[in-house]
C-alpha cells in the first residue's frame, strides 16, 4: 500500500494528522510566532521532528534547543516536549512506536 498526501492539503489545522489511523503517526505542526504547545510526552514513542520553515525553540524536559529551517532532531518521546515558535513555523513530526529489544 502506498499513501501520498500533500502537506498543503492539511492547511487549516495546527496539529494535522497526515495519515489518520496509520502508524507511524505523522503530524504537520503549524505555529504562529509566539505560539507554543504545552509540555507533554509521548511514552513508548521515538520522535523525529523536521523543521520545514521558521524558527523553533524546542524545549525537551525544560531544556531549550534552538532549531532553524531545515534542522531535524530525534528524541525519546518519554521526554516532556514543548515547541515554541520564534517565528511562523511549520514542522513535520513522525512518532514511531518503540521496538521491543
C-alpha atoms as a PDB file:
ATOM      1  CA  UNK A   1       0.000   0.000   0.000  1.00  0.00           C
ATOM      2  CA  UNK A   2       1.237   3.484  -0.881  1.00  0.00           C
ATOM      3  CA  UNK A   3      -0.317   6.615   0.612  1.00  0.00           C
ATOM      4  CA  UNK A   4       0.639  10.046  -0.701  1.00  0.00           C
ATOM      5  CA  UNK A   5      -0.536  13.308   0.855  1.00  0.00           C
ATOM      6  CA  UNK A   6       0.376  16.910   0.105  1.00  0.00           C
ATOM      7  CA  UNK A   7       1.184  18.972   3.194  1.00  0.00           C
ATOM      8  CA  UNK A   8      -0.863  21.807   1.650  1.00  0.00           C
ATOM      9  CA  UNK A   9      -3.944  19.562   1.954  1.00  0.00           C
ATOM     10  CA  UNK A  10      -3.515  19.789   5.732  1.00  0.00           C
ATOM     11  CA  UNK A  11      -3.798  23.587   5.924  1.00  0.00           C
ATOM     12  CA  UNK A  12      -6.191  25.000   8.490  1.00  0.00           C
ATOM     13  CA  UNK A  13      -5.200  22.756  11.411  1.00  0.00           C
ATOM     14  CA  UNK A  14      -2.279  23.412  13.740  1.00  0.00           C
ATOM     15  CA  UNK A  15      -1.927  19.664  14.515  1.00  0.00           C
ATOM     16  CA  UNK A  16      -2.875  17.971  11.241  1.00  0.00           C
ATOM     17  CA  UNK A  17      -2.572  14.192  11.021  1.00  0.00           C
ATOM     18  CA  UNK A  18      -1.302  13.307   7.562  1.00  0.00           C
ATOM     19  CA  UNK A  19      -2.475   9.690   7.746  1.00  0.00           C
ATOM     20  CA  UNK A  20      -5.127   9.295  10.464  1.00  0.00           C
ATOM     21  CA  UNK A  21      -5.307   5.796  11.963  1.00  0.00           C
ATOM     22  CA  UNK A  22      -1.968   4.809  10.369  1.00  0.00           C
ATOM     23  CA  UNK A  23       1.387   4.072  12.012  1.00  0.00           C
ATOM     24  CA  UNK A  24       3.752   5.709  12.468  1.00  0.00           C
ATOM     25  CA  UNK A  25       1.817   8.834  13.427  1.00  0.00           C
ATOM     26  CA  UNK A  26       2.748  11.649  11.059  1.00  0.00           C
ATOM     27  CA  UNK A  27       1.757  15.172  12.063  1.00  0.00           C
ATOM     28  CA  UNK A  28       2.193  18.543  10.381  1.00  0.00           C
ATOM     29  CA  UNK A  29       2.530  21.147  13.155  1.00  0.00           C
ATOM     30  CA  UNK A  30       1.936  24.812  12.335  1.00  0.00           C
ATOM     31  CA  UNK A  31       2.545  27.525  14.921  1.00  0.00           C
ATOM     32  CA  UNK A  32       2.375  31.297  14.541  1.00  0.00           C
ATOM     33  CA  UNK A  33       5.143  33.418  16.051  1.00  0.00           C
ATOM     34  CA  UNK A  34       4.786  33.340  19.848  1.00  0.00           C
ATOM     35  CA  UNK A  35       2.536  30.257  19.922  1.00  0.00           C
ATOM     36  CA  UNK A  36       3.622  27.168  21.821  1.00  0.00           C
ATOM     37  CA  UNK A  37       2.474  23.684  22.711  1.00  0.00           C
ATOM     38  CA  UNK A  38       2.101  22.942  26.425  1.00  0.00           C
ATOM     39  CA  UNK A  39       4.656  20.437  27.797  1.00  0.00           C
ATOM     40  CA  UNK A  40       3.575  16.856  27.176  1.00  0.00           C
ATOM     41  CA  UNK A  41       5.107  13.478  26.406  1.00  0.00           C
ATOM     42  CA  UNK A  42       4.575  10.527  24.090  1.00  0.00           C
ATOM     43  CA  UNK A  43       5.705   7.485  26.115  1.00  0.00           C
ATOM     44  CA  UNK A  44       6.780   4.428  24.132  1.00  0.00           C
ATOM     45  CA  UNK A  45       7.488   6.535  21.031  1.00  0.00           C
ATOM     46  CA  UNK A  46      10.596   7.695  19.227  1.00  0.00           C
ATOM     47  CA  UNK A  47      10.079  11.131  17.693  1.00  0.00           C
ATOM     48  CA  UNK A  48      11.651  12.804  14.703  1.00  0.00           C
ATOM     49  CA  UNK A  49      10.892  16.485  14.140  1.00  0.00           C
ATOM     50  CA  UNK A  50      11.862  18.124  10.846  1.00  0.00           C
ATOM     51  CA  UNK A  51      11.511  21.921  10.780  1.00  0.00           C
ATOM     52  CA  UNK A  52      10.202  22.760   7.308  1.00  0.00           C
ATOM     53  CA  UNK A  53      10.107  26.521   7.858  1.00  0.00           C
ATOM     54  CA  UNK A  54      10.578  29.066  10.607  1.00  0.00           C
ATOM     55  CA  UNK A  55      12.467  29.105  13.895  1.00  0.00           C
ATOM     56  CA  UNK A  56      11.567  26.976  16.921  1.00  0.00           C
ATOM     57  CA  UNK A  57      12.778  26.730  20.454  1.00  0.00           C
ATOM     58  CA  UNK A  58      12.231  23.050  21.187  1.00  0.00           C
ATOM     59  CA  UNK A  59      12.080  22.506  24.937  1.00  0.00           C
ATOM     60  CA  UNK A  60      12.873  18.933  25.980  1.00  0.00           C
ATOM     61  CA  UNK A  61      12.455  18.360  29.724  1.00  0.00           C
ATOM     62  CA  UNK A  62      12.608  22.165  30.010  1.00  0.00           C
ATOM     63  CA  UNK A  63      15.988  22.425  28.251  1.00  0.00           C
ATOM     64  CA  UNK A  64      15.796  24.758  25.209  1.00  0.00           C
ATOM     65  CA  UNK A  65      17.125  23.675  21.814  1.00  0.00           C
ATOM     66  CA  UNK A  66      17.264  26.278  19.038  1.00  0.00           C
ATOM     67  CA  UNK A  67      16.097  24.999  15.637  1.00  0.00           C
ATOM     68  CA  UNK A  68      16.125  26.738  12.271  1.00  0.00           C
ATOM     69  CA  UNK A  69      14.574  25.797   8.937  1.00  0.00           C
ATOM     70  CA  UNK A  70      15.977  22.501   7.663  1.00  0.00           C
ATOM     71  CA  UNK A  71      17.015  21.159  11.083  1.00  0.00           C
ATOM     72  CA  UNK A  72      15.964  17.653  12.100  1.00  0.00           C
ATOM     73  CA  UNK A  73      16.018  16.240  15.631  1.00  0.00           C
ATOM     74  CA  UNK A  74      15.452  12.736  17.043  1.00  0.00           C
ATOM     75  CA  UNK A  75      14.488  12.207  20.688  1.00  0.00           C
ATOM     76  CA  UNK A  76      12.735   9.847  23.099  1.00  0.00           C
ATOM     77  CA  UNK A  77       9.021  10.569  23.379  1.00  0.00           C
ATOM     78  CA  UNK A  78       9.140   9.940  27.133  1.00  0.00           C
ATOM     79  CA  UNK A  79      10.726  13.396  27.498  1.00  0.00           C
ATOM     80  CA  UNK A  80       8.476  16.419  28.056  1.00  0.00           C
ATOM     81  CA  UNK A  81       8.255  18.281  24.744  1.00  0.00           C
ATOM     82  CA  UNK A  82       7.141  21.877  24.263  1.00  0.00           C
ATOM     83  CA  UNK A  83       7.848  23.635  20.950  1.00  0.00           C
ATOM     84  CA  UNK A  84       7.775  27.449  20.988  1.00  0.00           C
ATOM     85  CA  UNK A  85       7.587  29.347  17.670  1.00  0.00           C
ATOM     86  CA  UNK A  86      10.096  32.182  17.475  1.00  0.00           C
ATOM     87  CA  UNK A  87       8.689  32.950  14.005  1.00  0.00           C
ATOM     88  CA  UNK A  88       5.815  31.462  11.994  1.00  0.00           C
ATOM     89  CA  UNK A  89       6.843  27.801  11.800  1.00  0.00           C
ATOM     90  CA  UNK A  90       5.854  24.528  10.172  1.00  0.00           C
ATOM     91  CA  UNK A  91       7.282  21.167  11.224  1.00  0.00           C
ATOM     92  CA  UNK A  92       6.708  17.554  10.300  1.00  0.00           C
ATOM     93  CA  UNK A  93       6.734  15.110  13.209  1.00  0.00           C
ATOM     94  CA  UNK A  94       6.942  11.332  12.972  1.00  0.00           C
ATOM     95  CA  UNK A  95       6.011   9.437  16.152  1.00  0.00           C
ATOM     96  CA  UNK A  96       7.082   5.812  15.797  1.00  0.00           C
ATOM     97  CA  UNK A  97       6.279   3.057  18.276  1.00  0.00           C
ATOM     98  CA  UNK A  98       9.397   1.855  20.073  1.00  0.00           C
ATOM     99  CA  UNK A  99      10.507  -1.630  19.118  1.00  0.00           C
ATOM    100  CA  UNK A 100      10.906  -4.204  21.885  1.00  0.00           C
ATOM    101  CA  UNK A 101      14.551  -5.199  22.266  1.00  0.00           C
END
